[in-house]
Amino acid sequence: QVRLVESGGGLAQAGGSLRLSCVASGRSFSRYTMAWFRQAPGRQREFVALIEWWTPAATYYRESVRGRFTASRDNTKVTTYLQLTELKPEDTAIYYCATRPSESRPSSALKISVREIDYDYWGQGVQVTVST
């Protein structure tokens, strides 16, 4: 049974930092794309970032977090991280990790998917709250 478990959320002040973790289990994720989404109150879930399986991994971010958030992964620990810095109140949301078999290869153009429907497995989510 595939399982993704997020941790590391909490309360931070604007300008502060948090690091989210997502531990995967239940199968091999060696060639899986790992992604992060978030859902703010009253809003639809939106794509935040993705990271590919190879090293050094290719990444992609939504425009509003580019330069502030950094995705990374430790394949030996089957763990994906999302470092959140320069947090803003509008970053307040439940953050989810998700995964799907990768359609990208190191020597080819990155195939980016920001759609929820493209991801097969999801974590339960972790709350991030940013205060002013």
Foldseek 3Di string as FASTA:
>chain_A
DKAKAKDWADEAAQQAKIKMKIAIDDDQCQFKKKFKWWDDPPGDIWTAKIWGRDVVIDMDGDPVCPPAWDWHDDNVRNMIMIMGGSDDQVVWTWMKMFMDGAPDDPVDDHDDDTDPVRTDDMHPTDTHGYHD
